[in-house]
């Protein structure tokens, strides 16, 4: 079974793991009620999408 010849340094290990972090989902503001929402989705607070009401909210 193959075994590494040398110990992996901290720099090499951390460089490899540099892209493993989580990123927050992008958010945009609703043009109707100005509440944060996910892009390309219906606004959960007012129920509009592209200026038209598509879901009735209370």
PDB file of N, CA and C in Angstrom:
ATOM      1  N   UNK A   1       0.844  -1.179   0.000  1.00  0.00           N
ATOM      2  CA  UNK A   1       0.000   0.000   0.000  1.00  0.00           C
ATOM      3  C   UNK A   1       0.891   1.246   0.000  1.00  0.00           C
ATOM      4  N   UNK A   2       0.590   2.238  -0.876  1.00  0.00           N
ATOM      5  CA  UNK A   2       1.454   3.416  -0.930  1.00  0.00           C
ATOM      6  C   UNK A   2       1.325   4.283   0.322  1.00  0.00           C
ATOM      7  N   UNK A   3       2.434   4.848   0.703  1.00  0.00           N
ATOM      8  CA  UNK A   3       2.494   5.698   1.882  1.00  0.00           C
ATOM      9  C   UNK A   3       3.201   6.989   1.481  1.00  0.00           C
ATOM     10  N   UNK A   4       2.748   8.170   1.966  1.00  0.00           N
ATOM     11  CA  UNK A   4       3.436   9.421   1.613  1.00  0.00           C
ATOM     12  C   UNK A   4       4.886   9.413   2.098  1.00  0.00           C
ATOM     13  N   UNK A   5       5.777   9.971   1.260  1.00  0.00           N
ATOM     14  CA  UNK A   5       7.185  10.008   1.636  1.00  0.00           C
ATOM     15  C   UNK A   5       7.459  11.053   2.708  1.00  0.00           C
ATOM     16  N   UNK A   6       6.726  12.166   2.629  1.00  0.00           N
ATOM     17  CA  UNK A   6       6.960  13.250   3.584  1.00  0.00           C
ATOM     18  C   UNK A   6       5.633  13.703   4.186  1.00  0.00           C
ATOM     19  N   UNK A   7       5.743  14.313   5.358  1.00  0.00           N
ATOM     20  CA  UNK A   7       4.553  14.862   6.013  1.00  0.00           C
ATOM     21  C   UNK A   7       4.067  16.073   5.223  1.00  0.00           C
ATOM     22  N   UNK A   8       2.751  16.175   5.034  1.00  0.00           N
ATOM     23  CA  UNK A   8       2.186  17.334   4.341  1.00  0.00           C
ATOM     24  C   UNK A   8       2.299  18.554   5.252  1.00  0.00           C
ATOM     25  N   UNK A   9       2.872  19.626   4.722  1.00  0.00           N
ATOM     26  CA  UNK A   9       3.079  20.819   5.533  1.00  0.00           C
ATOM     27  C   UNK A   9       1.758  21.533   5.796  1.00  0.00           C
ATOM     28  N   UNK A  10       1.770  22.383   6.784  1.00  0.00           N
ATOM     29  CA  UNK A  10       0.547  23.139   7.111  1.00  0.00           C
ATOM     30  C   UNK A  10       0.128  24.041   5.958  1.00  0.00           C
ATOM     31  N   UNK A  11       1.104  24.622   5.267  1.00  0.00           N
ATOM     32  CA  UNK A  11       0.787  25.503   4.145  1.00  0.00           C
ATOM     33  C   UNK A  11       0.121  24.738   3.011  1.00  0.00           C
ATOM     34  N   UNK A  12       0.647  23.579   2.674  1.00  0.00           N
ATOM     35  CA  UNK A  12       0.060  22.779   1.598  1.00  0.00           C
ATOM     36  C   UNK A  12      -1.333  22.305   1.981  1.00  0.00           C
ATOM     37  N   UNK A  13      -1.495  21.888   3.225  1.00  0.00           N
ATOM     38  CA  UNK A  13      -2.805  21.428   3.701  1.00  0.00           C
ATOM     39  C   UNK A  13      -3.831  22.557   3.674  1.00  0.00           C
ATOM     40  N   UNK A  14      -3.448  23.719   4.173  1.00  0.00           N
ATOM     41  CA  UNK A  14      -4.389  24.835   4.237  1.00  0.00           C
ATOM     42  C   UNK A  14      -4.690  25.412   2.859  1.00  0.00           C
ATOM     43  N   UNK A  15      -3.707  25.371   1.946  1.00  0.00           N
ATOM     44  CA  UNK A  15      -3.951  25.832   0.580  1.00  0.00           C
ATOM     45  C   UNK A  15      -4.967  24.935  -0.113  1.00  0.00           C
ATOM     46  N   UNK A  16      -4.874  23.659   0.122  1.00  0.00           N
ATOM     47  CA  UNK A  16      -5.819  22.723  -0.479  1.00  0.00           C
ATOM     48  C   UNK A  16      -7.224  22.939   0.072  1.00  0.00           C
ATOM     49  N   UNK A  17      -7.319  23.295   1.322  1.00  0.00           N
ATOM     50  CA  UNK A  17      -8.621  23.494   1.956  1.00  0.00           C
ATOM     51  C   UNK A  17      -9.169  24.905   1.792  1.00  0.00           C
ATOM     52  N   UNK A  18      -8.489  25.768   1.058  1.00  0.00           N
ATOM     53  CA  UNK A  18      -8.880  27.171   0.954  1.00  0.00           C
ATOM     54  C   UNK A  18     -10.239  27.346   0.289  1.00  0.00           C
ATOM     55  N   UNK A  19     -10.674  26.407  -0.550  1.00  0.00           N
ATOM     56  CA  UNK A  19     -11.932  26.545  -1.274  1.00  0.00           C
ATOM     57  C   UNK A  19     -13.070  25.788  -0.619  1.00  0.00           C
ATOM     58  N   UNK A  20     -12.849  25.215   0.551  1.00  0.00           N
ATOM     59  CA  UNK A  20     -13.869  24.384   1.199  1.00  0.00           C
ATOM     60  C   UNK A  20     -14.820  25.176   2.089  1.00  0.00           C
ATOM     61  N   UNK A  21     -14.677  26.485   2.150  1.00  0.00           N
ATOM     62  CA  UNK A  21     -15.526  27.279   3.037  1.00  0.00           C
ATOM     63  C   UNK A  21     -16.936  27.405   2.448  1.00  0.00           C
ATOM     64  N   UNK A  22     -17.887  27.725   3.296  1.00  0.00           N
ATOM     65  CA  UNK A  22     -19.267  27.934   2.872  1.00  0.00           C
ATOM     66  C   UNK A  22     -19.471  29.403   2.522  1.00  0.00           C
ATOM     67  N   UNK A  23     -20.336  29.646   1.557  1.00  0.00           N
ATOM     68  CA  UNK A  23     -20.664  31.020   1.195  1.00  0.00           C
ATOM     69  C   UNK A  23     -22.141  31.267   1.467  1.00  0.00           C
ATOM     70  N   UNK A  24     -22.463  32.460   1.866  1.00  0.00           N
ATOM     71  CA  UNK A  24     -23.855  32.815   2.138  1.00  0.00           C
ATOM     72  C   UNK A  24     -24.618  32.938   0.823  1.00  0.00           C
ATOM     73  N   UNK A  25     -25.890  32.538   0.800  1.00  0.00           N
ATOM     74  CA  UNK A  25     -26.663  32.673  -0.443  1.00  0.00           C
ATOM     75  C   UNK A  25     -26.865  34.142  -0.796  1.00  0.00           C
ATOM     76  N   UNK A  26     -26.886  34.423  -2.087  1.00  0.00           N
ATOM     77  CA  UNK A  26     -27.065  35.791  -2.559  1.00  0.00           C
ATOM     78  C   UNK A  26     -28.483  36.268  -2.244  1.00  0.00           C
ATOM     79  N   UNK A  27     -28.622  37.518  -1.893  1.00  0.00           N
ATOM     80  CA  UNK A  27     -29.928  38.088  -1.606  1.00  0.00           C
ATOM     81  C   UNK A  27     -30.090  39.387  -2.375  1.00  0.00           C
ATOM     82  N   UNK A  28     -31.332  39.661  -2.774  1.00  0.00           N
ATOM     83  CA  UNK A  28     -31.649  40.925  -3.421  1.00  0.00           C
ATOM     84  C   UNK A  28     -32.849  41.526  -2.704  1.00  0.00           C
ATOM     85  N   UNK A  29     -33.112  42.787  -2.979  1.00  0.00           N
ATOM     86  CA  UNK A  29     -34.245  43.451  -2.340  1.00  0.00           C
ATOM     87  C   UNK A  29     -35.455  43.388  -3.258  1.00  0.00           C
ATOM     88  N   UNK A  30     -36.614  43.147  -2.682  1.00  0.00           N
ATOM     89  CA  UNK A  30     -37.863  43.127  -3.437  1.00  0.00           C
ATOM     90  C   UNK A  30     -38.183  44.556  -3.879  1.00  0.00           C
ATOM     91  N   UNK A  31     -38.487  44.776  -5.156  1.00  0.00           N
ATOM     92  CA  UNK A  31     -38.789  46.139  -5.607  1.00  0.00           C
ATOM     93  C   UNK A  31     -40.116  46.664  -5.063  1.00  0.00           C
ATOM     94  N   UNK A  32     -41.003  45.772  -4.621  1.00  0.00           N
ATOM     95  CA  UNK A  32     -42.302  46.211  -4.107  1.00  0.00           C
ATOM     96  C   UNK A  32     -42.231  46.596  -2.630  1.00  0.00           C
ATOM     97  N   UNK A  33     -41.759  45.671  -1.785  1.00  0.00           N
ATOM     98  CA  UNK A  33     -41.790  45.905  -0.333  1.00  0.00           C
ATOM     99  C   UNK A  33     -40.401  46.137   0.261  1.00  0.00           C
ATOM    100  N   UNK A  34     -39.343  46.026  -0.548  1.00  0.00           N
ATOM    101  CA  UNK A  34     -37.961  46.285  -0.136  1.00  0.00           C
ATOM    102  C   UNK A  34     -37.490  45.364   0.984  1.00  0.00           C
ATOM    103  N   UNK A  35     -38.005  44.149   1.033  1.00  0.00           N
ATOM    104  CA  UNK A  35     -37.538  43.140   1.976  1.00  0.00           C
ATOM    105  C   UNK A  35     -36.529  42.233   1.264  1.00  0.00           C
ATOM    106  N   UNK A  36     -35.547  41.684   1.987  1.00  0.00           N
ATOM    107  CA  UNK A  36     -34.589  40.786   1.331  1.00  0.00           C
ATOM    108  C   UNK A  36     -35.250  39.491   0.889  1.00  0.00           C
ATOM    109  N   UNK A  37     -34.849  39.015  -0.302  1.00  0.00           N
ATOM    110  CA  UNK A  37     -35.373  37.766  -0.847  1.00  0.00           C
ATOM    111  C   UNK A  37     -34.313  37.127  -1.721  1.00  0.00           C
ATOM    112  N   UNK A  38     -34.477  35.851  -2.031  1.00  0.00           N
ATOM    113  CA  UNK A  38     -33.556  35.177  -2.930  1.00  0.00           C
ATOM    114  C   UNK A  38     -33.853  35.610  -4.359  1.00  0.00           C
ATOM    115  N   UNK A  39     -32.836  35.760  -5.203  1.00  0.00           N
ATOM    116  CA  UNK A  39     -33.075  36.170  -6.581  1.00  0.00           C
ATOM    117  C   UNK A  39     -33.869  35.121  -7.352  1.00  0.00           C
ATOM    118  N   UNK A  40     -34.686  35.566  -8.292  1.00  0.00           N
ATOM    119  CA  UNK A  40     -35.482  34.705  -9.177  1.00  0.00           C
ATOM    120  C   UNK A  40     -36.488  33.854  -8.414  1.00  0.00           C
ATOM    121  N   UNK A  41     -36.977  34.352  -7.294  1.00  0.00           N
ATOM    122  CA  UNK A  41     -38.002  33.651  -6.531  1.00  0.00           C
ATOM    123  C   UNK A  41     -39.104  34.632  -6.156  1.00  0.00           C
ATOM    124  N   UNK A  42     -40.243  34.089  -5.771  1.00  0.00           N
ATOM    125  CA  UNK A  42     -41.356  34.919  -5.313  1.00  0.00           C
ATOM    126  C   UNK A  42     -40.990  35.503  -3.950  1.00  0.00           C
ATOM    127  N   UNK A  43     -41.321  36.759  -3.737  1.00  0.00           N
ATOM    128  CA  UNK A  43     -41.047  37.409  -2.454  1.00  0.00           C
ATOM    129  C   UNK A  43     -41.919  36.766  -1.378  1.00  0.00           C
ATOM    130  N   UNK A  44     -41.328  36.273  -0.298  1.00  0.00           N
ATOM    131  CA  UNK A  44     -42.143  35.621   0.728  1.00  0.00           C
ATOM    132  C   UNK A  44     -42.997  36.588   1.541  1.00  0.00           C
ATOM    133  N   UNK A  45     -42.655  37.869   1.570  1.00  0.00           N
ATOM    134  CA  UNK A  45     -43.428  38.795   2.397  1.00  0.00           C
ATOM    135  C   UNK A  45     -44.615  39.405   1.658  1.00  0.00           C
ATOM    136  N   UNK A  46     -44.458  39.728   0.353  1.00  0.00           N
ATOM    137  CA  UNK A  46     -45.574  40.350  -0.359  1.00  0.00           C
ATOM    138  C   UNK A  46     -46.145  39.464  -1.465  1.00  0.00           C
ATOM    139  N   UNK A  47     -45.457  38.403  -1.868  1.00  0.00           N
ATOM    140  CA  UNK A  47     -45.983  37.457  -2.848  1.00  0.00           C
ATOM    141  C   UNK A  47     -45.919  37.924  -4.287  1.00  0.00           C
ATOM    142  N   UNK A  48     -45.025  38.839  -4.610  1.00  0.00           N
ATOM    143  CA  UNK A  48     -44.927  39.322  -5.991  1.00  0.00           C
ATOM    144  C   UNK A  48     -43.700  38.737  -6.673  1.00  0.00           C
ATOM    145  N   UNK A  49     -43.790  38.656  -8.009  1.00  0.00           N
ATOM    146  CA  UNK A  49     -42.663  38.225  -8.833  1.00  0.00           C
ATOM    147  C   UNK A  49     -42.734  38.995 -10.134  1.00  0.00           C
ATOM    148  N   UNK A  50     -41.676  39.715 -10.455  1.00  0.00           N
ATOM    149  CA  UNK A  50     -41.600  40.562 -11.646  1.00  0.00           C
ATOM    150  C   UNK A  50     -42.745  41.562 -11.704  1.00  0.00           C
ATOM    151  N   UNK A  51     -43.083  42.139 -10.559  1.00  0.00           N
ATOM    152  CA  UNK A  51     -44.099  43.175 -10.513  1.00  0.00           C
ATOM    153  C   UNK A  51     -45.539  42.696 -10.495  1.00  0.00           C
ATOM    154  N   UNK A  52     -45.763  41.380 -10.517  1.00  0.00           N
ATOM    155  CA  UNK A  52     -47.130  40.843 -10.506  1.00  0.00           C
ATOM    156  C   UNK A  52     -47.328  40.005  -9.254  1.00  0.00           C
ATOM    157  N   UNK A  53     -48.510  40.093  -8.675  1.00  0.00           N
ATOM    158  CA  UNK A  53     -48.807  39.296  -7.494  1.00  0.00           C
ATOM    159  C   UNK A  53     -49.157  37.875  -7.952  1.00  0.00           C
ATOM    160  N   UNK A  54     -48.374  36.912  -7.519  1.00  0.00           N
ATOM    161  CA  UNK A  54     -48.574  35.530  -7.932  1.00  0.00           C
ATOM    162  C   UNK A  54     -49.017  34.652  -6.772  1.00  0.00           C
ATOM    163  N   UNK A  55     -48.761  35.083  -5.546  1.00  0.00           N
ATOM    164  CA  UNK A  55     -49.165  34.338  -4.361  1.00  0.00           C
ATOM    165  C   UNK A  55     -49.829  35.313  -3.406  1.00  0.00           C
ATOM    166  N   UNK A  56     -50.989  34.941  -2.917  1.00  0.00           N
ATOM    167  CA  UNK A  56     -51.660  35.806  -1.944  1.00  0.00           C
ATOM    168  C   UNK A  56     -51.068  35.576  -0.558  1.00  0.00           C
ATOM    169  N   UNK A  57     -50.735  36.654   0.105  1.00  0.00           N
ATOM    170  CA  UNK A  57     -50.197  36.564   1.472  1.00  0.00           C
ATOM    171  C   UNK A  57     -51.169  37.262   2.411  1.00  0.00           C
ATOM    172  N   UNK A  58     -51.077  36.873   3.654  1.00  0.00           N
ATOM    173  CA  UNK A  58     -51.978  37.471   4.668  1.00  0.00           C
ATOM    174  C   UNK A  58     -51.501  38.818   5.104  1.00  0.00           C
TER     175      UNK A  58
END
